N, C-alpha and C. Protein backbone atom coordinates (compact mmCIF):
# COMPACT_ATOMS: atom_id res chain seq x y z
N MET A 1 36.79 12.82 14.46
CA MET A 1 35.96 12.06 13.49
C MET A 1 34.52 11.74 14.21
N ASN A 2 33.38 12.01 13.46
CA ASN A 2 32.18 11.80 14.02
C ASN A 2 31.74 10.39 14.12
N LEU A 3 31.70 10.26 15.46
CA LEU A 3 31.36 8.44 15.79
C LEU A 3 29.94 8.09 14.93
N ALA A 4 29.21 9.13 14.80
CA ALA A 4 27.81 8.65 14.18
C ALA A 4 28.15 8.27 12.74
N GLN A 5 29.32 8.81 12.32
CA GLN A 5 29.47 8.01 10.68
C GLN A 5 30.36 6.98 10.74
N ARG A 6 30.50 6.02 11.81
CA ARG A 6 31.53 4.87 11.76
C ARG A 6 30.38 3.83 12.22
N ALA A 7 30.58 2.64 11.23
CA ALA A 7 29.87 1.48 11.28
C ALA A 7 30.54 0.41 11.10
N PRO A 8 30.16 -0.79 11.60
CA PRO A 8 31.01 -1.99 11.58
C PRO A 8 31.06 -2.31 10.05
N VAL A 9 32.20 -2.95 9.53
CA VAL A 9 32.10 -3.19 8.14
C VAL A 9 31.23 -4.61 7.97
N ASP A 10 31.32 -5.47 8.71
CA ASP A 10 30.18 -6.17 8.58
C ASP A 10 28.93 -6.35 9.57
N VAL A 11 27.83 -5.68 8.98
CA VAL A 11 26.67 -5.30 10.29
C VAL A 11 26.32 -6.70 10.90
N ASP A 12 26.44 -7.85 10.44
CA ASP A 12 25.68 -9.12 11.01
C ASP A 12 26.96 -9.69 12.12
N ARG A 13 28.20 -9.55 11.79
CA ARG A 13 29.28 -9.88 12.78
C ARG A 13 30.32 -8.86 12.56
N PRO A 14 30.06 -7.83 13.76
CA PRO A 14 31.25 -6.90 13.87
C PRO A 14 32.27 -7.44 14.45
N GLU A 15 33.31 -7.22 14.34
CA GLU A 15 34.72 -7.87 14.85
C GLU A 15 35.14 -6.56 15.53
N ALA A 16 36.01 -7.05 16.61
CA ALA A 16 36.64 -5.68 17.52
C ALA A 16 37.68 -4.96 16.30
N GLY A 17 37.43 -3.64 16.25
CA GLY A 17 38.33 -3.10 15.72
C GLY A 17 38.21 -2.86 14.09
N GLU A 18 37.15 -3.58 13.59
CA GLU A 18 36.79 -3.59 11.97
C GLU A 18 35.73 -2.56 11.77
N PHE A 19 36.00 -1.39 11.78
CA PHE A 19 35.22 -0.39 11.47
C PHE A 19 35.91 0.49 10.61
N ARG A 20 34.83 1.08 9.68
CA ARG A 20 35.32 1.86 8.41
C ARG A 20 34.49 3.12 8.85
N THR A 21 35.08 4.27 8.09
CA THR A 21 34.59 5.63 8.18
C THR A 21 33.51 5.74 6.92
N LEU A 22 32.42 6.31 7.37
CA LEU A 22 31.41 6.36 6.35
C LEU A 22 31.40 7.76 5.76
N ASP A 23 31.26 8.20 4.38
CA ASP A 23 31.02 9.10 4.04
C ASP A 23 29.54 9.71 3.84
N GLY A 24 29.09 10.30 3.36
CA GLY A 24 27.55 10.64 3.12
C GLY A 24 26.65 9.53 2.38
N ALA A 25 27.52 9.39 1.25
CA ALA A 25 26.81 8.06 0.59
C ALA A 25 26.94 6.82 1.21
N GLY A 26 27.77 6.58 1.76
CA GLY A 26 27.73 5.15 2.51
C GLY A 26 26.95 5.13 3.93
N LEU A 27 26.56 6.23 4.68
CA LEU A 27 25.78 6.44 5.61
C LEU A 27 24.30 6.41 5.01
N ALA A 28 24.10 6.82 3.82
CA ALA A 28 22.95 6.73 2.94
C ALA A 28 22.48 5.15 2.77
N GLU A 29 23.44 4.70 2.03
CA GLU A 29 23.40 3.33 1.90
C GLU A 29 22.87 2.37 3.24
N LEU A 30 23.52 2.63 4.27
CA LEU A 30 23.29 2.01 5.42
C LEU A 30 21.74 2.06 5.74
N LEU A 31 21.38 3.48 5.81
CA LEU A 31 20.00 4.04 6.17
C LEU A 31 18.92 3.14 5.29
N ASP A 32 19.34 3.14 3.94
CA ASP A 32 18.63 2.42 2.80
C ASP A 32 18.31 1.07 3.41
N GLN A 33 19.51 0.33 3.84
CA GLN A 33 19.34 -0.99 3.98
C GLN A 33 18.84 -1.27 5.26
N ALA A 34 18.75 -0.26 6.38
CA ALA A 34 17.77 -0.55 7.70
C ALA A 34 16.31 -0.42 7.46
N GLY A 35 16.07 0.82 6.31
CA GLY A 35 14.91 0.91 6.27
C GLY A 35 14.13 -0.30 5.38
N SER A 36 14.86 -0.80 4.36
CA SER A 36 14.28 -1.93 3.54
C SER A 36 13.92 -2.91 4.80
N VAL A 37 14.68 -3.21 5.65
CA VAL A 37 14.38 -4.32 6.54
C VAL A 37 13.09 -3.80 7.37
N LEU A 38 12.86 -2.59 7.97
CA LEU A 38 11.75 -2.25 8.58
C LEU A 38 10.71 -2.25 7.89
N ASP A 39 10.45 -1.81 6.39
CA ASP A 39 9.46 -1.47 5.70
C ASP A 39 9.10 -3.13 5.39
N GLU A 40 9.71 -4.38 5.46
CA GLU A 40 9.33 -5.69 4.95
C GLU A 40 7.99 -5.97 6.02
N PRO A 41 7.06 -6.43 5.13
CA PRO A 41 5.90 -6.94 6.08
C PRO A 41 5.91 -8.05 6.94
N ARG A 42 5.58 -8.12 8.09
CA ARG A 42 5.53 -9.29 9.06
C ARG A 42 5.08 -10.63 8.56
N SER A 43 5.62 -11.74 8.39
CA SER A 43 4.67 -12.76 7.98
C SER A 43 3.42 -13.16 9.02
N MET A 44 3.61 -12.71 10.24
CA MET A 44 2.29 -13.23 11.45
C MET A 44 1.85 -11.74 11.72
N LEU A 45 0.57 -11.77 11.87
CA LEU A 45 -0.19 -10.69 12.50
C LEU A 45 -0.42 -11.31 13.92
N SER A 46 -0.43 -10.48 15.07
CA SER A 46 -1.02 -10.47 16.53
C SER A 46 -1.36 -9.16 17.01
N VAL A 47 -2.96 -9.12 16.90
CA VAL A 47 -3.38 -7.80 17.30
C VAL A 47 -4.55 -8.20 18.28
N ALA A 48 -4.76 -7.74 19.54
CA ALA A 48 -5.94 -8.23 20.62
C ALA A 48 -6.40 -6.74 20.78
N PHE A 49 -7.70 -6.55 21.02
CA PHE A 49 -8.32 -5.57 21.92
C PHE A 49 -9.43 -5.96 22.32
N SER A 50 -10.19 -5.12 23.45
CA SER A 50 -11.56 -5.59 23.80
C SER A 50 -12.32 -4.30 23.80
N PHE A 51 -13.86 -4.48 24.15
CA PHE A 51 -14.52 -3.32 24.16
C PHE A 51 -15.75 -3.91 24.81
N ASN A 52 -16.67 -2.86 25.37
CA ASN A 52 -18.05 -3.37 25.69
C ASN A 52 -19.24 -2.85 24.81
N TRP A 53 -19.93 -4.07 24.47
CA TRP A 53 -21.20 -3.81 23.81
C TRP A 53 -22.39 -4.33 24.29
N ARG A 54 -23.27 -3.42 24.52
CA ARG A 54 -24.64 -3.79 25.33
C ARG A 54 -24.32 -4.52 26.74
N GLY A 55 -23.40 -3.89 27.26
CA GLY A 55 -23.02 -4.38 28.58
C GLY A 55 -22.34 -5.98 28.70
N MET A 56 -21.79 -6.11 27.70
CA MET A 56 -21.03 -7.51 27.75
C MET A 56 -19.31 -7.08 27.09
N ALA A 57 -18.67 -7.67 27.69
CA ALA A 57 -17.25 -7.65 27.28
C ALA A 57 -16.87 -8.52 25.92
N VAL A 58 -16.63 -7.77 24.90
CA VAL A 58 -16.04 -8.50 23.75
C VAL A 58 -14.25 -8.49 23.29
N ASP A 59 -14.00 -9.61 23.49
CA ASP A 59 -12.59 -9.77 23.33
C ASP A 59 -12.31 -10.04 21.74
N CYS A 60 -11.43 -9.18 21.07
CA CYS A 60 -11.14 -9.32 19.54
C CYS A 60 -9.75 -9.82 19.46
N ARG A 61 -9.57 -10.37 18.55
CA ARG A 61 -8.05 -10.67 18.49
C ARG A 61 -7.87 -11.39 16.80
N ILE A 62 -6.78 -10.53 16.39
CA ILE A 62 -6.51 -10.66 14.73
C ILE A 62 -5.10 -11.41 14.89
N ALA A 63 -5.33 -12.73 14.33
CA ALA A 63 -4.09 -13.58 14.16
C ALA A 63 -4.05 -14.40 12.92
N GLY A 64 -2.91 -14.78 12.70
CA GLY A 64 -2.47 -15.33 11.32
C GLY A 64 -1.45 -14.65 10.53
N ASP A 65 -1.37 -15.07 9.36
CA ASP A 65 -0.20 -14.80 8.42
C ASP A 65 -0.80 -13.47 7.54
N GLN A 66 0.01 -13.12 6.91
CA GLN A 66 -0.59 -11.58 5.97
C GLN A 66 -1.38 -12.12 5.13
N ALA A 67 -1.27 -13.25 4.56
CA ALA A 67 -2.02 -13.53 3.27
C ALA A 67 -3.56 -14.17 3.78
N GLN A 68 -3.80 -14.58 4.99
CA GLN A 68 -5.20 -14.86 5.55
C GLN A 68 -5.02 -14.51 6.99
N PRO A 69 -5.22 -13.34 7.24
CA PRO A 69 -5.53 -13.03 8.61
C PRO A 69 -6.94 -13.54 9.25
N ARG A 70 -7.04 -13.50 10.43
CA ARG A 70 -8.25 -14.04 10.80
C ARG A 70 -8.56 -13.53 12.22
N LEU A 71 -9.95 -12.76 12.20
CA LEU A 71 -10.35 -12.03 13.48
C LEU A 71 -11.36 -12.97 14.20
N GLU A 72 -11.18 -12.95 15.52
CA GLU A 72 -11.99 -13.75 16.32
C GLU A 72 -12.63 -12.86 17.29
N LEU A 73 -13.88 -13.16 17.70
CA LEU A 73 -14.45 -12.45 18.65
C LEU A 73 -15.01 -13.37 19.73
N ALA A 74 -15.00 -13.17 20.82
CA ALA A 74 -15.37 -13.92 21.97
C ALA A 74 -15.99 -12.98 22.88
N THR A 75 -17.43 -12.89 22.82
CA THR A 75 -18.45 -12.16 23.51
C THR A 75 -18.67 -12.85 24.94
N ASP A 76 -18.51 -12.08 26.12
CA ASP A 76 -18.77 -12.69 27.34
C ASP A 76 -20.11 -12.54 27.95
N ILE A 77 -21.13 -13.32 27.67
CA ILE A 77 -22.59 -13.03 27.79
C ILE A 77 -22.84 -13.11 29.43
N THR A 78 -22.86 -14.20 30.31
CA THR A 78 -23.25 -14.16 31.17
C THR A 78 -22.21 -14.96 32.27
N PRO A 79 -22.21 -15.05 33.36
CA PRO A 79 -21.46 -16.09 34.11
C PRO A 79 -22.76 -17.36 34.42
N LEU A 80 -22.04 -18.46 34.32
CA LEU A 80 -22.77 -19.55 34.37
C LEU A 80 -23.30 -20.09 35.75
N PRO A 81 -24.38 -19.92 36.22
CA PRO A 81 -25.04 -19.84 37.55
C PRO A 81 -24.66 -21.14 38.18
N TYR A 82 -24.41 -21.13 39.64
CA TYR A 82 -24.22 -22.58 40.29
C TYR A 82 -25.78 -23.25 40.28
N SER A 83 -25.94 -24.44 40.49
CA SER A 83 -27.26 -25.03 40.65
C SER A 83 -28.17 -24.37 41.70
N ALA A 84 -27.40 -23.94 42.82
CA ALA A 84 -27.97 -23.30 43.92
C ALA A 84 -28.67 -21.88 43.66
N GLU A 85 -27.99 -21.36 42.70
CA GLU A 85 -28.37 -19.98 42.25
C GLU A 85 -29.62 -20.13 41.42
N ASN A 86 -29.46 -20.68 40.41
CA ASN A 86 -30.53 -20.86 39.27
C ASN A 86 -30.44 -21.97 38.50
N ALA A 87 -30.78 -22.91 39.03
CA ALA A 87 -30.74 -24.60 38.22
C ALA A 87 -31.34 -24.56 36.78
N ALA A 88 -32.49 -23.69 36.84
CA ALA A 88 -32.60 -23.68 35.48
C ALA A 88 -32.01 -23.06 34.15
N LYS A 89 -31.43 -21.82 34.64
CA LYS A 89 -30.88 -21.28 34.02
C LYS A 89 -29.54 -21.91 33.56
N ARG A 90 -28.63 -22.70 34.70
CA ARG A 90 -27.86 -23.38 34.38
C ARG A 90 -27.90 -24.55 33.38
N ARG A 91 -29.14 -25.37 33.50
CA ARG A 91 -29.21 -26.24 32.43
C ARG A 91 -29.46 -25.65 31.02
N TYR A 92 -30.36 -24.47 30.96
CA TYR A 92 -30.44 -24.04 29.74
C TYR A 92 -29.09 -23.64 29.02
N LEU A 93 -28.23 -22.88 29.77
CA LEU A 93 -26.89 -22.70 29.19
C LEU A 93 -25.87 -23.94 28.59
N GLN A 94 -26.03 -24.95 29.65
CA GLN A 94 -25.52 -26.17 29.41
C GLN A 94 -26.28 -26.83 28.20
N HIS A 95 -27.43 -26.59 27.98
CA HIS A 95 -28.07 -27.30 26.56
C HIS A 95 -27.76 -26.64 25.58
N LEU A 96 -27.35 -25.15 25.67
CA LEU A 96 -26.87 -24.51 24.21
C LEU A 96 -25.47 -24.63 24.21
N ASN A 97 -24.79 -25.30 25.11
CA ASN A 97 -23.35 -25.29 24.82
C ASN A 97 -22.90 -26.89 24.28
N ASP A 98 -24.54 -27.55 24.21
CA ASP A 98 -23.87 -28.91 23.55
C ASP A 98 -23.48 -28.99 22.06
N PRO A 99 -22.40 -29.78 21.82
CA PRO A 99 -21.92 -29.77 21.00
C PRO A 99 -22.49 -30.06 19.84
N ALA A 100 -23.55 -30.95 20.00
CA ALA A 100 -24.43 -31.61 18.77
C ALA A 100 -25.43 -30.49 18.27
N LEU A 101 -25.66 -29.29 18.82
CA LEU A 101 -26.34 -28.41 18.53
C LEU A 101 -25.63 -27.62 17.82
N LYS A 102 -25.79 -27.31 16.54
CA LYS A 102 -25.66 -26.80 14.98
C LYS A 102 -26.10 -25.34 15.08
N LEU A 103 -25.02 -24.45 15.56
CA LEU A 103 -25.41 -23.08 15.47
C LEU A 103 -25.24 -22.32 13.92
N PRO A 104 -26.04 -21.54 13.71
CA PRO A 104 -25.75 -21.26 12.04
C PRO A 104 -24.39 -20.11 11.81
N ILE A 105 -23.83 -19.60 13.15
CA ILE A 105 -22.74 -18.83 13.02
C ILE A 105 -22.08 -18.93 14.51
N GLY A 106 -20.93 -19.41 14.69
CA GLY A 106 -20.08 -19.41 15.71
C GLY A 106 -20.32 -20.56 16.78
N SER A 107 -19.96 -20.44 18.00
CA SER A 107 -20.30 -21.39 18.78
C SER A 107 -20.20 -20.85 20.19
N TYR A 108 -20.74 -21.73 21.07
CA TYR A 108 -21.04 -21.30 22.70
C TYR A 108 -20.01 -22.09 23.34
N GLU A 109 -19.38 -21.56 24.37
CA GLU A 109 -18.33 -22.01 24.90
C GLU A 109 -18.56 -21.64 26.67
N ILE A 110 -17.92 -22.17 27.59
CA ILE A 110 -17.84 -22.04 28.98
C ILE A 110 -16.40 -21.90 29.29
N SER A 111 -16.04 -20.88 29.76
CA SER A 111 -14.66 -20.61 30.16
C SER A 111 -14.33 -21.35 31.17
N ALA A 112 -12.80 -21.03 31.43
CA ALA A 112 -12.22 -21.85 32.81
C ALA A 112 -12.86 -20.99 33.84
N SER A 113 -13.21 -19.66 34.05
CA SER A 113 -13.52 -18.97 34.84
C SER A 113 -15.30 -19.04 34.94
N ARG A 114 -15.72 -19.91 34.26
CA ARG A 114 -17.24 -20.21 34.46
C ARG A 114 -18.03 -19.03 33.98
N ARG A 115 -17.64 -18.60 32.79
CA ARG A 115 -18.14 -17.45 31.79
C ARG A 115 -18.85 -18.31 30.60
N PHE A 116 -20.16 -17.85 30.35
CA PHE A 116 -20.61 -18.25 29.17
C PHE A 116 -20.59 -17.33 28.01
N ARG A 117 -19.81 -18.00 26.86
CA ARG A 117 -19.25 -17.19 25.85
C ARG A 117 -19.77 -17.51 24.40
N HIS A 118 -19.97 -16.42 23.69
CA HIS A 118 -20.29 -16.97 22.12
C HIS A 118 -18.97 -16.55 21.30
N ARG A 119 -18.47 -17.39 20.54
CA ARG A 119 -17.29 -17.24 19.66
C ARG A 119 -17.41 -17.40 18.43
N VAL A 120 -17.01 -16.37 17.55
CA VAL A 120 -17.16 -16.12 16.06
C VAL A 120 -15.86 -16.03 15.47
N GLY A 121 -15.66 -16.10 14.26
CA GLY A 121 -14.44 -15.79 13.42
C GLY A 121 -14.69 -15.64 12.09
N ILE A 122 -13.88 -14.85 11.58
CA ILE A 122 -14.03 -14.77 10.16
C ILE A 122 -12.56 -14.35 9.47
N THR A 123 -12.32 -14.96 8.14
CA THR A 123 -11.16 -14.48 7.54
C THR A 123 -11.10 -13.02 7.06
N LEU A 124 -10.26 -12.14 7.41
CA LEU A 124 -10.15 -10.94 6.76
C LEU A 124 -9.73 -10.68 5.54
N PRO A 125 -10.03 -9.48 4.65
CA PRO A 125 -9.63 -9.26 3.18
C PRO A 125 -8.40 -8.62 3.68
N THR A 126 -7.46 -8.72 2.42
CA THR A 126 -6.23 -7.88 2.83
C THR A 126 -6.26 -6.73 1.83
N PRO A 127 -5.51 -5.61 2.08
CA PRO A 127 -4.66 -5.50 3.40
C PRO A 127 -5.64 -5.11 4.35
N VAL A 128 -5.17 -5.55 5.52
CA VAL A 128 -5.87 -5.22 6.94
C VAL A 128 -5.83 -3.81 7.34
N THR A 129 -6.76 -3.15 7.33
CA THR A 129 -6.92 -1.67 7.68
C THR A 129 -7.92 -1.45 8.76
N GLY A 130 -7.80 -0.34 9.38
CA GLY A 130 -8.80 0.07 10.47
C GLY A 130 -10.29 -0.16 10.01
N GLY A 131 -10.64 0.36 8.84
CA GLY A 131 -11.83 0.08 8.22
C GLY A 131 -12.13 -1.31 8.16
N VAL A 132 -11.58 -2.09 7.78
CA VAL A 132 -11.48 -3.49 7.51
C VAL A 132 -12.10 -4.39 8.78
N VAL A 133 -11.23 -3.79 9.99
CA VAL A 133 -11.51 -4.50 11.10
C VAL A 133 -12.67 -4.05 11.65
N VAL A 134 -13.20 -2.64 11.60
CA VAL A 134 -14.44 -2.36 12.13
C VAL A 134 -15.62 -3.01 11.62
N SER A 135 -15.66 -2.97 10.28
CA SER A 135 -16.54 -3.40 9.36
C SER A 135 -16.74 -5.14 9.84
N ALA A 136 -15.71 -5.73 9.78
CA ALA A 136 -15.82 -7.31 10.13
C ALA A 136 -16.33 -7.21 11.54
N VAL A 137 -15.96 -6.51 12.40
CA VAL A 137 -16.57 -6.45 13.87
C VAL A 137 -18.08 -6.15 13.78
N VAL A 138 -18.55 -5.27 13.28
CA VAL A 138 -19.72 -4.79 13.34
C VAL A 138 -20.59 -6.07 12.58
N ARG A 139 -20.02 -6.70 11.38
CA ARG A 139 -20.82 -7.48 10.59
C ARG A 139 -20.97 -8.81 11.65
N LEU A 140 -20.05 -9.29 12.29
CA LEU A 140 -19.97 -10.56 13.08
C LEU A 140 -21.00 -10.28 14.50
N LEU A 141 -20.82 -9.22 15.00
CA LEU A 141 -21.88 -8.97 16.30
C LEU A 141 -23.14 -8.92 15.75
N LEU A 142 -23.52 -8.20 14.65
CA LEU A 142 -25.11 -8.09 14.15
C LEU A 142 -25.47 -9.54 13.70
N SER A 143 -24.48 -10.18 13.11
CA SER A 143 -25.15 -11.54 12.65
C SER A 143 -24.81 -12.43 13.87
N SER A 144 -24.33 -12.24 14.77
CA SER A 144 -24.43 -13.29 15.96
C SER A 144 -25.53 -12.85 17.18
N ARG A 145 -26.22 -11.34 16.68
CA ARG A 145 -26.98 -11.13 17.97
C ARG A 145 -28.08 -11.90 18.47
N GLY A 146 -28.49 -12.42 17.55
CA GLY A 146 -29.73 -13.16 18.01
C GLY A 146 -29.33 -14.40 18.99
N LEU A 147 -28.27 -15.19 18.47
CA LEU A 147 -27.61 -16.09 19.48
C LEU A 147 -26.87 -15.58 20.86
N ILE A 148 -26.67 -14.37 20.62
CA ILE A 148 -26.04 -13.67 21.95
C ILE A 148 -27.47 -13.75 22.74
N ASP A 149 -28.67 -12.75 22.49
CA ASP A 149 -30.02 -12.67 23.04
C ASP A 149 -30.80 -14.04 23.49
N LEU A 150 -30.30 -14.96 22.69
CA LEU A 150 -30.76 -16.11 23.40
C LEU A 150 -30.28 -16.76 24.37
N ALA A 151 -28.98 -16.37 24.43
CA ALA A 151 -28.29 -16.81 25.92
C ALA A 151 -28.69 -15.89 27.12
N ARG A 152 -29.07 -14.73 26.69
CA ARG A 152 -29.11 -13.65 27.77
C ARG A 152 -30.76 -13.84 28.15
N GLN A 153 -31.63 -14.22 27.70
CA GLN A 153 -33.02 -14.43 27.91
C GLN A 153 -33.28 -14.56 29.41
N PRO A 154 -33.84 -14.03 30.19
CA PRO A 154 -33.90 -14.46 31.75
C PRO A 154 -35.09 -15.65 31.79
N ILE A 155 -34.39 -16.56 32.88
CA ILE A 155 -35.25 -17.94 32.93
C ILE A 155 -35.55 -18.06 34.67
């Protein structure tokens, strides 16, 4: 007997010794059941990637459920200087990071590692494809370029 054609009677709870021999149709049925489980879409998406744009690291994360996936971009603009290094630049970046300052798109943040970042997000149209992701990334970067340049200006 070919062991590849043996399967538990109850796949969810195989009991010792409760195997049945499968003919071609039984094996095909099991493969169909396995394939249908694999083809079911996941309810949650989770994808992350990074790249460099204009000398800055951009972290991208796609998360959320299949119905409303969200793309988040965090652009690492510059380190937050110590006061002894450049007090004027430090004050300037801290002023930009003021929560009362309303930005047209996204928000500034200072990371735990003292990096000044711009964060922006958008809900992606479904189905999520490579073209949809690339288009959204380009759109977000171009629409936030002015704010990124504002934080990069030398002082």
